Amino acid sequence: MGNILAVVGAQWGDEGKGKITDYFAQEADVVVRYQGGNNAGHTIVFDGRKFALQSTPSGIFNPSTKNVMANGMVINPVALLGELDKLVAAGIDKWQLFISNRAAVVMPYHSMLDGAYESLKGGKLIGTTKKGIGPAYADKYNRIGIRMGDLLDKEYFAQRLEDALQVKNMELRMLGLPECDFQTIYDEYCAAGDRLAPYICDTSVLLNDEIEKGSRVLFEGAQGVMLCIENGTFPYVTSSSPTASSIPVNAGIAPRYITDVLGVGKAYCTRVGEGPFPTELLDETAHYIRERGHEYGTVTGRPRRVGWFDAVAMNHARRVAGLNRMALMLFDVLSGLESVKICVAYELDGKQIDYVPSTISELSRCKPVLIETPGWKEDITAMTSYDELPENAKKYIELVEKATKLDVSIISVGPDRNQIILR
């Protein structure tokens, strides 16, 4: 990696960002999570051990790496402490963590409201993880949210919590839910704040200092571009923007620093939850890919929907997220298929288009225009160079590059940190 690298999910999340971030984190001085919260699920495998991270940056396993949870995140301090305690219990205890004092706090009433609002949607569920992420972001923009730095000032925190509960308990009553008790929340979050106090600081100052002295900084996105609140398949999206465009404001740095953006995408597509999914497969091929790829949500355990690689969606991500190269993940999962397909365009109401429509009604009517190429039978999981790959596998990669106008610079051929081919 160069001095500054942004790793962005280029599909509907779950693309394998954790592995790529972990790989580059070995040589990074700083790893930064810049949006989302514990609705993320980054799986990292190394030395035969498997770890599932939700809030903490993927550099947490490297004792020399500074791990930053930036101001664009929403943080559940109780859940974060649980995650850190699990790492310590697993022998991962020599980490450096820095938490933005401006990051929004996920409160107990946020998860209660998240579940209630999702239930009100009836048959039109968004597919939220019900972790309270959306309501926490909503309170931030409504200016009644609580921030991590507030937990360090007990008197100020009490005032902010009292003000918030006046509004939140009214919402809870209207939804037929029990009200939240001030003292219970205050005590629990003060205790969490006390434990996290050594890590809470102005991370914008920290990051700018690191950049100015030439440190290698890795920005790690959660979810994916197609779930972006601004550019995704609205309303079936997350509540933040994982694009590289959002990094400056979410991390408190200048836009000029973000020049190298690696888009992470699977060799096929998956999606968790509801919403249009043009290349979705509902046949034996979907079952084959799902089982070989262990396509079940890291956070929810829900089976992921499976579809062919979507070059239209990837081109959308390239444009709105500033991607300049790609990591193609879970490539080994496609081994054994007689043929593989790539979506190169959509057909909408009899007309061929090469863009992602803005409305769900239009996108739901889109049918994939597919090109088919022969598959390969060989086991590629032990291959370490591009030249070793079967000819049909190389042809597939070339088709992906042509359809997306992106160089595939990294190919993942297995779950372990070292099962990577660099080009």
Protein backbone atom coordinates (compact mmCIF):
# COMPACT_ATOMS: atom_id res chain seq x y z
CA MET A 1 0.00 0.00 0.00
CA GLY A 2 0.96 3.63 -0.44
CA ASN A 3 0.81 6.13 2.39
CA ILE A 4 -2.98 6.42 2.29
CA LEU A 5 -5.36 3.69 1.11
CA ALA A 6 -9.16 3.53 1.31
CA VAL A 7 -10.78 0.09 1.25
CA VAL A 8 -14.42 0.34 0.18
CA GLY A 9 -17.09 -2.31 -0.19
CA ALA A 10 -18.23 -2.09 -3.81
CA GLN A 11 -21.41 -4.22 -3.67
CA TRP A 12 -24.08 -4.82 -1.00
CA GLY A 13 -21.67 -5.39 1.89
CA ASP A 14 -20.11 -8.69 3.05
CA GLU A 15 -17.57 -8.50 0.22
CA GLY A 16 -14.55 -9.56 2.27
CA LYS A 17 -13.33 -6.11 3.33
CA GLY A 18 -12.18 -7.47 6.69
CA LYS A 19 -9.69 -9.82 5.09
CA ILE A 20 -8.30 -7.16 2.75
CA THR A 21 -8.08 -4.59 5.52
CA ASP A 22 -6.41 -7.13 7.79
CA TYR A 23 -3.92 -7.95 5.01
CA PHE A 24 -2.89 -4.33 4.52
CA ALA A 25 -3.11 -3.58 8.25
CA GLN A 26 0.05 -5.65 8.70
CA GLU A 27 1.98 -2.81 7.07
CA ALA A 28 -0.23 0.13 8.11
CA ASP A 29 0.60 2.50 10.93
CA VAL A 30 -3.04 3.53 11.38
CA VAL A 31 -6.34 1.78 10.54
CA VAL A 32 -9.51 3.89 10.59
CA ARG A 33 -13.18 2.90 10.72
CA TYR A 34 -14.97 6.00 9.46
CA GLN A 35 -18.72 5.13 9.46
CA GLY A 36 -21.31 2.62 10.62
CA GLY A 37 -21.32 0.84 13.94
CA ASN A 38 -21.72 -2.65 15.30
CA ASN A 39 -24.04 -3.48 12.40
CA ALA A 40 -20.85 -4.29 10.47
CA GLY A 41 -19.52 -7.83 10.39
CA HIS A 42 -15.90 -8.25 9.35
CA THR A 43 -14.62 -11.82 9.47
CA ILE A 44 -10.86 -12.28 9.72
CA VAL A 45 -9.11 -15.64 9.57
CA PHE A 46 -5.44 -16.20 10.34
CA ASP A 47 -3.34 -18.95 11.92
CA GLY A 48 -6.36 -21.23 11.77
CA ARG A 49 -8.39 -18.88 14.02
CA LYS A 50 -11.53 -16.99 13.06
CA PHE A 51 -12.56 -13.64 14.46
CA ALA A 52 -15.75 -11.65 13.79
CA LEU A 53 -15.39 -7.91 14.36
CA GLN A 54 -18.32 -5.52 14.45
CA SER A 55 -17.10 -2.15 15.75
CA THR A 56 -13.34 -2.36 16.13
CA PRO A 57 -11.05 -1.62 13.18
CA SER A 58 -9.42 -4.64 11.53
CA GLY A 59 -5.93 -3.51 12.57
CA ILE A 60 -6.73 -4.46 16.16
CA PHE A 61 -4.67 -7.66 15.80
CA ASN A 62 -1.44 -5.77 15.15
CA PRO A 63 0.08 -4.36 18.38
CA SER A 64 1.99 -1.66 16.49
CA THR A 65 -1.06 -0.35 14.58
CA LYS A 66 -3.10 2.61 15.83
CA ASN A 67 -6.81 1.79 15.46
CA VAL A 68 -9.14 4.76 15.11
CA MET A 69 -12.91 4.82 15.48
CA ALA A 70 -13.62 8.14 13.80
CA ASN A 71 -16.34 10.75 14.30
CA GLY A 72 -18.50 9.38 11.47
CA MET A 73 -19.20 6.19 13.42
CA VAL A 74 -22.05 5.50 15.82
CA ILE A 75 -20.69 3.55 18.77
CA ASN A 76 -22.46 1.36 21.31
CA PRO A 77 -20.00 1.58 24.22
CA VAL A 78 -21.45 -1.46 26.01
CA ALA A 79 -21.24 -3.61 22.86
CA LEU A 80 -17.74 -2.28 22.13
CA LEU A 81 -16.52 -3.28 25.59
CA GLY A 82 -18.00 -6.74 25.06
CA GLU A 83 -16.08 -7.03 21.78
CA LEU A 84 -12.83 -5.89 23.39
CA ASP A 85 -13.31 -8.29 26.31
CA LYS A 86 -13.74 -11.20 23.86
CA LEU A 87 -10.50 -10.24 22.12
CA VAL A 88 -8.66 -10.13 25.43
CA ALA A 89 -10.09 -13.53 26.37
CA ALA A 90 -8.74 -14.87 23.05
CA GLY A 91 -5.28 -13.55 23.87
CA ILE A 92 -5.53 -10.42 21.67
CA ASP A 93 -4.71 -7.79 24.30
CA LYS A 94 -1.82 -5.69 22.99
CA TRP A 95 -3.74 -3.23 20.84
CA GLN A 96 -3.86 0.54 20.43
CA LEU A 97 -7.34 2.06 20.23
CA PHE A 98 -8.44 5.69 19.73
CA ILE A 99 -12.14 6.65 19.83
CA SER A 100 -13.40 9.98 18.52
CA ASN A 101 -14.94 12.21 21.18
CA ARG A 102 -17.31 13.39 18.41
CA ALA A 103 -18.65 9.94 17.47
CA ALA A 104 -22.35 9.44 18.16
CA VAL A 105 -23.40 7.03 20.91
CA VAL A 106 -25.91 4.23 20.37
CA MET A 107 -28.24 4.25 23.38
CA PRO A 108 -30.56 1.45 24.63
CA TYR A 109 -33.64 3.22 23.28
CA HIS A 110 -32.13 3.26 19.78
CA SER A 111 -32.23 -0.52 19.41
CA MET A 112 -35.75 -0.61 20.89
CA LEU A 113 -36.94 1.96 18.35
CA ASP A 114 -35.04 0.26 15.52
CA GLY A 115 -36.95 -2.98 16.05
CA ALA A 116 -40.28 -1.20 16.51
CA TYR A 117 -39.97 0.92 13.38
CA GLU A 118 -38.91 -2.12 11.36
CA SER A 119 -42.01 -4.02 12.56
CA LEU A 120 -44.25 -1.13 11.50
CA LYS A 121 -43.09 -1.60 7.92
CA GLY A 122 -45.00 -4.88 7.71
CA GLY A 123 -44.14 -6.64 4.48
CA LYS A 124 -41.77 -3.86 3.38
CA LEU A 125 -38.91 -4.51 5.79
CA ILE A 126 -35.60 -2.76 5.22
CA GLY A 127 -33.71 -5.70 6.72
CA THR A 128 -32.00 -3.68 9.46
CA THR A 129 -29.83 -5.52 12.00
CA LYS A 130 -31.90 -3.82 14.77
CA LYS A 131 -28.72 -2.65 16.46
CA GLY A 132 -30.05 0.92 16.74
CA ILE A 133 -27.75 2.32 14.07
CA GLY A 134 -30.38 4.21 12.05
CA PRO A 135 -32.08 5.82 15.08
CA ALA A 136 -28.66 6.84 16.45
CA TYR A 137 -27.80 8.58 13.18
CA ALA A 138 -31.28 10.16 13.13
CA ASP A 139 -30.75 11.61 16.60
CA LYS A 140 -27.35 12.93 15.50
CA TYR A 141 -28.95 14.86 12.65
CA ASN A 142 -31.86 15.90 14.86
CA ARG A 143 -29.20 17.28 17.23
CA ILE A 144 -30.47 15.39 20.26
CA GLY A 145 -27.83 12.68 20.06
CA ILE A 146 -25.16 11.98 22.66
CA ARG A 147 -21.48 11.83 21.71
CA MET A 148 -18.63 9.77 23.12
CA GLY A 149 -16.96 12.83 24.64
CA ASP A 150 -20.14 13.59 26.58
CA LEU A 151 -19.63 10.43 28.64
CA LEU A 152 -16.48 11.96 30.13
CA ASP A 153 -18.39 14.90 31.64
CA LYS A 154 -20.90 13.33 34.05
CA GLU A 155 -22.91 16.51 34.66
CA TYR A 156 -23.15 17.38 30.98
CA PHE A 157 -24.00 13.78 30.10
CA ALA A 158 -26.84 13.79 32.64
CA GLN A 159 -28.27 16.94 31.08
CA ARG A 160 -28.00 15.55 27.53
CA LEU A 161 -29.58 12.26 28.58
CA GLU A 162 -32.48 13.97 30.36
CA ASP A 163 -33.19 16.09 27.29
CA ALA A 164 -33.01 13.07 24.97
CA LEU A 165 -35.27 10.92 27.15
CA GLN A 166 -38.02 13.56 27.07
CA VAL A 167 -38.26 12.95 23.33
CA LYS A 168 -37.36 9.26 23.23
CA ASN A 169 -39.73 8.16 25.99
CA MET A 170 -42.54 9.97 24.20
CA GLU A 171 -41.69 7.97 21.05
CA LEU A 172 -41.55 4.74 23.03
CA ARG A 173 -44.96 5.43 24.62
CA MET A 174 -46.50 6.14 21.24
CA LEU A 175 -45.22 2.77 20.00
CA GLY A 176 -46.53 0.93 23.04
CA LEU A 177 -43.05 0.21 24.38
CA PRO A 178 -41.80 0.61 27.97
CA GLU A 179 -40.07 3.87 28.79
CA CYS A 180 -36.35 3.98 29.55
CA ASP A 181 -35.21 4.75 33.07
CA PHE A 182 -32.77 7.63 33.37
CA GLN A 183 -30.77 6.28 36.30
CA THR A 184 -30.32 2.80 34.81
CA ILE A 185 -28.95 4.16 31.55
CA TYR A 186 -26.92 6.86 33.26
CA ASP A 187 -25.17 4.41 35.57
CA GLU A 188 -24.46 1.85 32.83
CA TYR A 189 -23.11 4.40 30.35
CA CYS A 190 -21.07 6.29 32.95
CA ALA A 191 -19.42 2.99 33.86
CA ALA A 192 -18.77 2.24 30.17
CA GLY A 193 -17.43 5.76 29.69
CA ASP A 194 -15.04 5.32 32.61
CA ARG A 195 -13.62 2.12 31.06
CA LEU A 196 -13.30 3.68 27.61
CA ALA A 197 -12.00 7.07 28.82
CA PRO A 198 -8.31 6.23 28.14
CA TYR A 199 -9.15 5.74 24.45
CA ILE A 200 -11.46 8.74 23.83
CA CYS A 201 -9.75 11.71 22.18
CA ASP A 202 -9.88 14.12 19.23
CA THR A 203 -9.07 11.65 16.47
CA SER A 204 -9.12 14.36 13.79
CA VAL A 205 -6.03 15.90 15.38
CA LEU A 206 -4.43 12.46 15.68
CA LEU A 207 -5.10 11.56 12.02
CA ASN A 208 -3.86 14.86 10.64
CA ASP A 209 -0.69 14.55 12.69
CA GLU A 210 -0.14 10.99 11.39
CA ILE A 211 -0.74 12.01 7.77
CA GLU A 212 1.56 15.02 8.02
CA LYS A 213 4.43 12.90 9.32
CA GLY A 214 4.03 10.38 6.49
CA SER A 215 2.41 7.50 8.35
CA ARG A 216 0.70 4.76 6.34
CA VAL A 217 -3.03 5.20 6.96
CA LEU A 218 -5.68 2.67 5.96
CA PHE A 219 -9.35 3.72 5.87
CA GLU A 220 -11.78 0.84 6.33
CA GLY A 221 -15.37 1.13 5.16
CA ALA A 222 -18.29 -0.88 6.51
CA GLN A 223 -21.23 -2.15 4.41
CA GLY A 224 -21.00 -1.38 0.68
CA VAL A 225 -21.66 1.29 -1.94
CA MET A 226 -24.99 -0.23 -2.96
CA LEU A 227 -26.10 0.23 0.68
CA CYS A 228 -24.95 3.88 0.80
CA ILE A 229 -27.60 6.25 2.17
CA GLU A 230 -26.81 8.70 -0.66
CA ASN A 231 -25.99 6.43 -3.61
CA GLY A 232 -27.44 3.02 -2.77
CA THR A 233 -30.73 1.25 -3.45
CA PHE A 234 -32.74 3.63 -1.26
CA PRO A 235 -34.62 2.99 1.01
CA TYR A 236 -33.04 -0.48 1.32
CA VAL A 237 -29.77 1.00 2.51
CA THR A 238 -27.73 1.57 5.65
CA SER A 239 -27.76 4.90 7.49
CA SER A 240 -24.33 6.17 6.48
CA SER A 241 -22.13 6.46 3.41
CA PRO A 242 -19.30 3.91 3.03
CA THR A 243 -17.94 5.61 -0.08
CA ALA A 244 -14.45 7.08 -0.13
CA SER A 245 -16.13 10.44 -0.78
CA SER A 246 -17.43 10.41 2.81
CA ILE A 247 -14.05 9.80 4.45
CA PRO A 248 -12.91 13.45 4.79
CA VAL A 249 -15.98 14.63 6.69
CA ASN A 250 -16.29 11.38 8.68
CA ALA A 251 -12.65 11.39 9.73
CA GLY A 252 -11.98 15.11 10.00
CA ILE A 253 -9.32 15.32 7.29
CA ALA A 254 -8.90 17.15 3.97
CA PRO A 255 -10.33 15.60 0.75
CA ARG A 256 -6.97 15.93 -1.02
CA TYR A 257 -5.58 12.99 0.96
CA ILE A 258 -7.94 10.35 -0.52
CA THR A 259 -6.43 9.31 -3.85
CA ASP A 260 -6.01 5.51 -3.73
CA VAL A 261 -9.36 3.72 -3.42
CA LEU A 262 -9.55 -0.08 -3.56
CA GLY A 263 -13.03 -1.43 -4.27
CA VAL A 264 -13.67 -4.84 -2.74
CA GLY A 265 -16.13 -7.08 -4.57
CA LYS A 266 -16.93 -10.76 -4.65
CA ALA A 267 -16.50 -12.79 -7.83
CA TYR A 268 -20.30 -13.05 -7.59
CA CYS A 269 -22.81 -10.92 -5.66
CA THR A 270 -24.64 -11.37 -2.37
CA ARG A 271 -27.16 -9.34 -0.46
CA VAL A 272 -28.60 -9.62 3.07
CA GLY A 273 -32.09 -8.33 3.71
CA GLU A 274 -34.66 -6.84 1.41
CA GLY A 275 -34.43 -4.74 -1.71
CA PRO A 276 -33.92 -5.22 -5.45
CA PHE A 277 -31.13 -7.55 -6.53
CA PRO A 278 -31.08 -7.76 -10.36
CA THR A 279 -28.74 -10.77 -10.75
CA GLU A 280 -30.27 -12.86 -7.95
CA LEU A 281 -30.28 -16.63 -8.44
CA LEU A 282 -32.96 -18.86 -6.95
CA ASP A 283 -31.74 -22.23 -8.18
CA GLU A 284 -29.19 -24.96 -7.44
CA THR A 285 -26.35 -22.67 -8.51
CA ALA A 286 -27.33 -20.24 -5.74
CA HIS A 287 -27.31 -23.09 -3.22
CA TYR A 288 -23.91 -24.28 -4.48
CA ILE A 289 -22.36 -20.80 -4.15
CA ARG A 290 -24.02 -20.13 -0.77
CA GLU A 291 -22.73 -23.33 0.80
CA ARG A 292 -19.23 -23.16 -0.71
CA GLY A 293 -18.91 -19.50 0.23
CA HIS A 294 -20.53 -19.94 3.68
CA GLU A 295 -22.83 -17.09 2.75
CA TYR A 296 -24.52 -16.42 6.07
CA GLY A 297 -24.49 -13.03 7.79
CA THR A 298 -21.63 -12.44 10.26
CA VAL A 299 -23.89 -10.39 12.54
CA THR A 300 -27.35 -11.87 11.88
CA GLY A 301 -26.63 -15.43 10.72
CA ARG A 302 -29.22 -14.92 7.98
CA PRO A 303 -28.61 -16.74 4.67
CA ARG A 304 -27.41 -14.28 2.08
CA ARG A 305 -29.12 -13.90 -1.27
CA VAL A 306 -26.80 -14.91 -4.11
CA GLY A 307 -26.44 -13.67 -7.69
CA TRP A 308 -24.01 -13.38 -10.58
CA PHE A 309 -21.35 -10.64 -10.65
CA ASP A 310 -23.03 -7.32 -11.51
CA ALA A 311 -20.80 -5.04 -13.59
CA VAL A 312 -23.53 -2.36 -13.76
CA ALA A 313 -23.51 -2.06 -9.97
CA MET A 314 -19.70 -2.15 -9.91
CA ASN A 315 -19.50 0.67 -12.46
CA HIS A 316 -21.94 2.64 -10.30
CA ALA A 317 -19.61 2.07 -7.33
CA ARG A 318 -16.57 3.01 -9.39
CA ARG A 319 -18.18 6.33 -10.32
CA VAL A 320 -19.70 7.44 -7.01
CA ALA A 321 -17.01 6.03 -4.70
CA GLY A 322 -13.94 6.93 -6.75
CA LEU A 323 -12.65 3.38 -7.13
CA ASN A 324 -9.43 3.07 -9.10
CA ARG A 325 -8.77 -0.69 -8.67
CA MET A 326 -10.47 -3.80 -7.42
CA ALA A 327 -9.96 -6.77 -5.12
CA LEU A 328 -11.91 -9.79 -6.39
CA MET A 329 -12.91 -11.90 -3.40
CA LEU A 330 -14.03 -15.51 -2.89
CA PHE A 331 -12.86 -16.37 -6.38
CA ASP A 332 -12.30 -20.00 -5.32
CA VAL A 333 -16.03 -20.38 -4.60
CA LEU A 334 -16.78 -20.40 -8.34
CA SER A 335 -14.51 -23.43 -8.94
CA GLY A 336 -16.50 -26.47 -10.02
CA LEU A 337 -19.24 -24.67 -11.95
CA GLU A 338 -19.76 -25.70 -15.58
CA SER A 339 -20.10 -22.06 -16.60
CA VAL A 340 -20.12 -18.65 -14.96
CA LYS A 341 -21.91 -15.44 -15.89
CA ILE A 342 -21.44 -11.69 -15.64
CA CYS A 343 -24.16 -9.06 -15.84
CA VAL A 344 -23.01 -6.35 -18.28
CA ALA A 345 -26.23 -4.33 -18.60
CA TYR A 346 -29.84 -4.18 -17.43
CA GLU A 347 -32.99 -4.45 -19.51
CA LEU A 348 -35.62 -2.01 -18.24
CA ASP A 349 -39.04 -2.10 -19.90
CA GLY A 350 -37.54 -3.47 -23.12
CA LYS A 351 -34.68 -0.96 -23.24
CA GLN A 352 -31.04 -1.80 -22.42
CA ILE A 353 -29.40 0.51 -19.87
CA ASP A 354 -25.92 0.68 -18.31
CA TYR A 355 -26.75 2.52 -15.06
CA VAL A 356 -28.48 1.81 -11.75
CA PRO A 357 -31.93 3.48 -11.65
CA SER A 358 -32.63 5.69 -8.63
CA THR A 359 -36.05 4.28 -7.77
CA ILE A 360 -36.86 0.87 -6.37
CA SER A 361 -39.80 0.50 -8.74
CA GLU A 362 -37.50 0.85 -11.77
CA LEU A 363 -34.67 -1.25 -10.36
CA SER A 364 -37.13 -4.02 -9.44
CA ARG A 365 -38.12 -4.23 -13.11
CA CYS A 366 -34.52 -4.51 -14.31
CA LYS A 367 -33.51 -7.84 -15.81
CA PRO A 368 -29.81 -8.71 -16.09
CA VAL A 369 -28.16 -8.90 -19.49
CA LEU A 370 -25.69 -11.74 -18.97
CA ILE A 371 -22.62 -13.00 -20.79
CA GLU A 372 -21.57 -16.60 -20.15
CA THR A 373 -18.12 -18.12 -20.12
CA PRO A 374 -16.86 -21.65 -19.34
CA GLY A 375 -16.06 -22.44 -15.70
CA TRP A 376 -13.08 -24.33 -14.26
CA LYS A 377 -12.82 -27.48 -12.15
CA GLU A 378 -9.38 -26.95 -10.62
CA ASP A 379 -8.86 -26.24 -6.90
CA ILE A 380 -7.18 -22.82 -6.85
CA THR A 381 -6.95 -22.34 -3.06
CA ALA A 382 -3.19 -23.08 -2.91
CA MET A 383 -2.25 -20.96 -5.93
CA THR A 384 -0.05 -17.96 -5.25
CA SER A 385 0.42 -16.35 -8.67
CA TYR A 386 -1.83 -15.25 -11.51
CA ASP A 387 0.03 -17.47 -13.98
CA GLU A 388 -0.98 -20.59 -12.01
CA LEU A 389 -4.70 -19.92 -12.45
CA PRO A 390 -6.65 -22.04 -14.97
CA GLU A 391 -7.12 -20.38 -18.35
CA ASN A 392 -10.89 -20.17 -17.90
CA ALA A 393 -10.39 -18.47 -14.54
CA LYS A 394 -8.09 -15.91 -16.14
CA LYS A 395 -10.65 -15.32 -18.89
CA TYR A 396 -13.31 -14.63 -16.27
CA ILE A 397 -11.09 -12.04 -14.57
CA GLU A 398 -10.38 -10.40 -17.93
CA LEU A 399 -14.12 -10.17 -18.62
CA VAL A 400 -14.66 -8.54 -15.22
CA GLU A 401 -11.92 -6.00 -15.93
CA LYS A 402 -13.31 -5.17 -19.35
CA ALA A 403 -16.87 -4.78 -18.04
CA THR A 404 -15.90 -2.61 -15.06
CA LYS A 405 -12.94 -0.60 -16.45
CA LEU A 406 -11.08 -1.55 -13.27
CA ASP A 407 -7.85 -3.48 -12.86
CA VAL A 408 -8.25 -6.53 -10.62
CA SER A 409 -5.10 -6.05 -8.55
CA ILE A 410 -5.92 -8.57 -5.81
CA ILE A 411 -7.53 -12.01 -6.11
CA SER A 412 -8.62 -13.90 -3.00
CA VAL A 413 -8.49 -17.69 -3.36
CA GLY A 414 -9.42 -18.71 0.19
CA PRO A 415 -10.42 -17.34 3.61
CA ASP A 416 -6.98 -17.14 5.22
CA ARG A 417 -4.99 -13.91 5.34
CA ASN A 418 -2.29 -15.40 3.08
CA GLN A 419 -4.58 -16.92 0.42
CA ILE A 420 -4.18 -13.90 -1.84
CA ILE A 421 -2.76 -13.37 -5.32
CA LEU A 422 -1.27 -9.92 -5.92
CA ARG A 423 -0.94 -8.62 -9.46
